[in-house]
Amino acid sequence: LFESLHPVRRSFRAFWQLARLAPFPDLNLAMSLVAMNAYLLTHGYPLVSPGSADSKLLRRVVAAEPPCEIRALERRLLSRAAG
């Protein structure tokens, strides 16, 4: 499934896996965001900078099943790519 996903959605999956596997509870989300952004950059996409409301969203994403999409972040990437 991973290989068939769009690179942006692959970055979300990588974020999810790292956040769940990382051994440092205080830094899991932060380090996973760094890894997700590195993946996005290597595939020609802009960085996703977390907003104030993203903490709750990302914690919900990590607690759920592996994501195929994170619409709030996808909208942000599309708006940055268009602008």
N, C-alpha and C. Protein backbone atom coordinates (compact mmCIF):
# COMPACT_ATOMS: atom_id res chain seq x y z
N LEU A 1 0.82 -1.19 0.00
CA LEU A 1 0.00 0.00 0.00
C LEU A 1 0.87 1.26 0.00
N PHE A 2 1.96 1.25 0.77
CA PHE A 2 2.80 2.43 0.90
C PHE A 2 3.30 2.91 -0.46
N GLU A 3 3.79 2.01 -1.28
CA GLU A 3 4.36 2.39 -2.58
C GLU A 3 3.31 2.94 -3.52
N SER A 4 2.04 2.56 -3.34
CA SER A 4 1.00 3.04 -4.25
C SER A 4 0.47 4.42 -3.86
N LEU A 5 0.84 4.92 -2.68
CA LEU A 5 0.35 6.21 -2.22
C LEU A 5 1.12 7.37 -2.88
N HIS A 6 0.48 8.51 -2.97
CA HIS A 6 1.11 9.74 -3.43
C HIS A 6 2.22 10.10 -2.44
N PRO A 7 3.30 10.74 -2.87
CA PRO A 7 4.41 11.09 -1.95
C PRO A 7 3.97 11.88 -0.72
N VAL A 8 3.00 12.77 -0.87
CA VAL A 8 2.52 13.53 0.30
C VAL A 8 1.88 12.58 1.30
N ARG A 9 1.09 11.67 0.81
CA ARG A 9 0.43 10.71 1.71
C ARG A 9 1.43 9.71 2.27
N ARG A 10 2.48 9.40 1.52
CA ARG A 10 3.55 8.55 2.07
C ARG A 10 4.23 9.27 3.24
N SER A 11 4.39 10.58 3.11
CA SER A 11 5.03 11.33 4.20
C SER A 11 4.18 11.28 5.47
N PHE A 12 2.84 11.29 5.31
CA PHE A 12 1.96 11.18 6.47
C PHE A 12 2.11 9.81 7.14
N ARG A 13 2.22 8.77 6.32
CA ARG A 13 2.41 7.43 6.86
C ARG A 13 3.74 7.33 7.61
N ALA A 14 4.78 7.91 7.03
CA ALA A 14 6.10 7.89 7.69
C ALA A 14 6.02 8.64 9.01
N PHE A 15 5.34 9.79 9.01
CA PHE A 15 5.12 10.55 10.25
C PHE A 15 4.46 9.66 11.30
N TRP A 16 3.39 8.99 10.92
CA TRP A 16 2.61 8.15 11.84
C TRP A 16 3.49 7.04 12.42
N GLN A 17 4.23 6.36 11.56
CA GLN A 17 5.06 5.25 12.03
C GLN A 17 6.14 5.72 12.98
N LEU A 18 6.82 6.80 12.63
CA LEU A 18 7.88 7.30 13.50
C LEU A 18 7.33 7.81 14.83
N ALA A 19 6.21 8.48 14.81
CA ALA A 19 5.62 9.00 16.04
C ALA A 19 5.23 7.87 16.98
N ARG A 20 4.81 6.76 16.43
CA ARG A 20 4.40 5.62 17.27
C ARG A 20 5.58 4.79 17.74
N LEU A 21 6.67 4.80 16.99
CA LEU A 21 7.82 3.97 17.33
C LEU A 21 8.90 4.70 18.12
N ALA A 22 8.92 6.01 18.00
CA ALA A 22 10.00 6.78 18.63
C ALA A 22 9.99 6.59 20.15
N PRO A 23 11.16 6.49 20.75
CA PRO A 23 11.25 6.18 22.18
C PRO A 23 11.21 7.37 23.13
N PHE A 24 11.06 8.58 22.60
CA PHE A 24 11.10 9.76 23.46
C PHE A 24 9.75 10.46 23.47
N PRO A 25 8.94 10.22 24.48
CA PRO A 25 7.57 10.74 24.50
C PRO A 25 7.46 12.25 24.26
N ASP A 26 8.39 13.03 24.76
CA ASP A 26 8.30 14.48 24.59
C ASP A 26 8.68 14.94 23.19
N LEU A 27 9.41 14.14 22.47
CA LEU A 27 9.90 14.56 21.15
C LEU A 27 9.35 13.74 19.99
N ASN A 28 8.49 12.78 20.26
CA ASN A 28 7.99 11.92 19.17
C ASN A 28 7.35 12.72 18.05
N LEU A 29 6.42 13.61 18.38
CA LEU A 29 5.74 14.39 17.33
C LEU A 29 6.70 15.33 16.63
N ALA A 30 7.56 15.98 17.39
CA ALA A 30 8.49 16.94 16.77
C ALA A 30 9.45 16.24 15.81
N MET A 31 10.04 15.15 16.22
CA MET A 31 10.99 14.44 15.37
C MET A 31 10.28 13.82 14.17
N SER A 32 9.06 13.38 14.35
CA SER A 32 8.29 12.81 13.25
C SER A 32 7.94 13.89 12.23
N LEU A 33 7.65 15.11 12.70
CA LEU A 33 7.40 16.23 11.79
C LEU A 33 8.66 16.58 11.00
N VAL A 34 9.81 16.55 11.64
CA VAL A 34 11.07 16.81 10.94
C VAL A 34 11.27 15.76 9.85
N ALA A 35 11.05 14.50 10.18
CA ALA A 35 11.21 13.43 9.19
C ALA A 35 10.20 13.58 8.04
N MET A 36 8.96 13.92 8.37
CA MET A 36 7.93 14.11 7.35
C MET A 36 8.33 15.25 6.41
N ASN A 37 8.81 16.35 6.98
CA ASN A 37 9.22 17.48 6.15
C ASN A 37 10.44 17.15 5.29
N ALA A 38 11.36 16.38 5.82
CA ALA A 38 12.52 15.96 5.02
C ALA A 38 12.06 15.12 3.83
N TYR A 39 11.10 14.24 4.06
CA TYR A 39 10.56 13.41 2.97
C TYR A 39 9.87 14.30 1.93
N LEU A 40 9.07 15.26 2.40
CA LEU A 40 8.39 16.17 1.48
C LEU A 40 9.39 16.96 0.65
N LEU A 41 10.43 17.49 1.29
CA LEU A 41 11.44 18.28 0.58
C LEU A 41 12.15 17.46 -0.49
N THR A 42 12.48 16.22 -0.18
CA THR A 42 13.19 15.39 -1.15
C THR A 42 12.31 15.05 -2.36
N HIS A 43 11.01 15.19 -2.20
CA HIS A 43 10.09 14.93 -3.31
C HIS A 43 9.54 16.21 -3.93
N GLY A 44 10.14 17.35 -3.60
CA GLY A 44 9.78 18.60 -4.24
C GLY A 44 8.58 19.33 -3.67
N TYR A 45 8.18 19.01 -2.46
CA TYR A 45 7.03 19.66 -1.84
C TYR A 45 7.49 20.64 -0.77
N PRO A 46 6.67 21.66 -0.46
CA PRO A 46 7.06 22.63 0.57
C PRO A 46 6.96 22.03 1.97
N LEU A 47 7.61 22.69 2.89
CA LEU A 47 7.54 22.27 4.30
C LEU A 47 6.13 22.48 4.84
N VAL A 48 5.75 21.65 5.78
CA VAL A 48 4.52 21.84 6.53
C VAL A 48 4.93 22.36 7.90
N SER A 49 4.63 23.61 8.16
CA SER A 49 4.95 24.15 9.48
C SER A 49 3.72 24.00 10.37
N PRO A 50 3.90 23.41 11.54
CA PRO A 50 2.74 23.16 12.41
C PRO A 50 2.15 24.45 12.95
N GLY A 51 0.84 24.51 12.94
CA GLY A 51 0.12 25.64 13.51
C GLY A 51 -0.30 25.35 14.94
N SER A 52 -0.92 26.30 15.57
CA SER A 52 -1.31 26.13 16.97
C SER A 52 -2.36 25.04 17.15
N ALA A 53 -3.21 24.82 16.18
CA ALA A 53 -4.26 23.80 16.29
C ALA A 53 -3.76 22.42 15.90
N ASP A 54 -2.55 22.32 15.37
CA ASP A 54 -2.06 21.03 14.87
C ASP A 54 -1.72 20.03 15.96
N SER A 55 -1.40 20.48 17.13
CA SER A 55 -1.02 19.55 18.19
C SER A 55 -2.12 18.53 18.46
N LYS A 56 -3.34 19.00 18.63
CA LYS A 56 -4.46 18.08 18.88
C LYS A 56 -4.71 17.19 17.67
N LEU A 57 -4.66 17.78 16.48
CA LEU A 57 -4.87 17.01 15.25
C LEU A 57 -3.84 15.90 15.13
N LEU A 58 -2.57 16.23 15.32
CA LEU A 58 -1.51 15.24 15.15
C LEU A 58 -1.57 14.16 16.23
N ARG A 59 -1.93 14.52 17.43
CA ARG A 59 -2.09 13.50 18.48
C ARG A 59 -3.23 12.55 18.15
N ARG A 60 -4.32 13.08 17.58
CA ARG A 60 -5.44 12.22 17.16
C ARG A 60 -5.00 11.30 16.03
N VAL A 61 -4.24 11.83 15.08
CA VAL A 61 -3.77 11.02 13.95
C VAL A 61 -2.89 9.88 14.45
N VAL A 62 -1.98 10.18 15.36
CA VAL A 62 -1.06 9.16 15.86
C VAL A 62 -1.80 8.09 16.66
N ALA A 63 -2.86 8.45 17.35
CA ALA A 63 -3.61 7.49 18.17
C ALA A 63 -4.52 6.59 17.33
N ALA A 64 -4.78 6.96 16.08
CA ALA A 64 -5.70 6.21 15.23
C ALA A 64 -4.95 5.23 14.33
N GLU A 65 -5.69 4.66 13.40
CA GLU A 65 -5.11 3.76 12.39
C GLU A 65 -4.15 4.55 11.49
N PRO A 66 -3.26 3.87 10.76
CA PRO A 66 -2.34 4.59 9.86
C PRO A 66 -3.12 5.44 8.87
N PRO A 67 -2.75 6.71 8.71
CA PRO A 67 -3.52 7.59 7.83
C PRO A 67 -3.16 7.42 6.36
N CYS A 68 -4.17 7.49 5.51
CA CYS A 68 -3.92 7.60 4.07
C CYS A 68 -3.97 9.06 3.67
N GLU A 69 -4.58 9.88 4.50
CA GLU A 69 -4.65 11.31 4.22
C GLU A 69 -4.80 12.08 5.52
N ILE A 70 -4.32 13.29 5.50
CA ILE A 70 -4.55 14.24 6.58
C ILE A 70 -4.99 15.52 5.89
N ARG A 71 -6.29 15.67 5.75
CA ARG A 71 -6.84 16.73 4.89
C ARG A 71 -6.37 18.13 5.27
N ALA A 72 -6.28 18.42 6.55
CA ALA A 72 -5.85 19.76 6.96
C ALA A 72 -4.45 20.07 6.45
N LEU A 73 -3.55 19.11 6.53
CA LEU A 73 -2.18 19.32 6.06
C LEU A 73 -2.12 19.33 4.53
N GLU A 74 -2.94 18.51 3.89
CA GLU A 74 -2.97 18.50 2.44
C GLU A 74 -3.46 19.85 1.89
N ARG A 75 -4.48 20.42 2.51
CA ARG A 75 -4.98 21.73 2.08
C ARG A 75 -3.88 22.78 2.23
N ARG A 76 -3.14 22.71 3.32
CA ARG A 76 -2.07 23.67 3.55
C ARG A 76 -0.98 23.52 2.48
N LEU A 77 -0.62 22.30 2.13
CA LEU A 77 0.38 22.08 1.09
C LEU A 77 -0.11 22.60 -0.26
N LEU A 78 -1.36 22.37 -0.58
CA LEU A 78 -1.91 22.83 -1.85
C LEU A 78 -1.93 24.35 -1.92
N SER A 79 -2.30 25.00 -0.82
CA SER A 79 -2.36 26.46 -0.83
C SER A 79 -0.95 27.06 -0.96
N ARG A 80 0.04 26.44 -0.36
CA ARG A 80 1.41 26.94 -0.47
C ARG A 80 1.97 26.70 -1.85
N ALA A 81 1.61 25.55 -2.47
CA ALA A 81 2.11 25.25 -3.80
C ALA A 81 1.48 26.18 -4.83
N ALA A 82 0.22 26.56 -4.62
CA ALA A 82 -0.47 27.45 -5.57
C ALA A 82 -0.03 28.89 -5.41
N GLY A 83 0.39 29.27 -4.18
CA GLY A 83 0.71 30.67 -3.89
C GLY A 83 2.09 31.05 -4.17
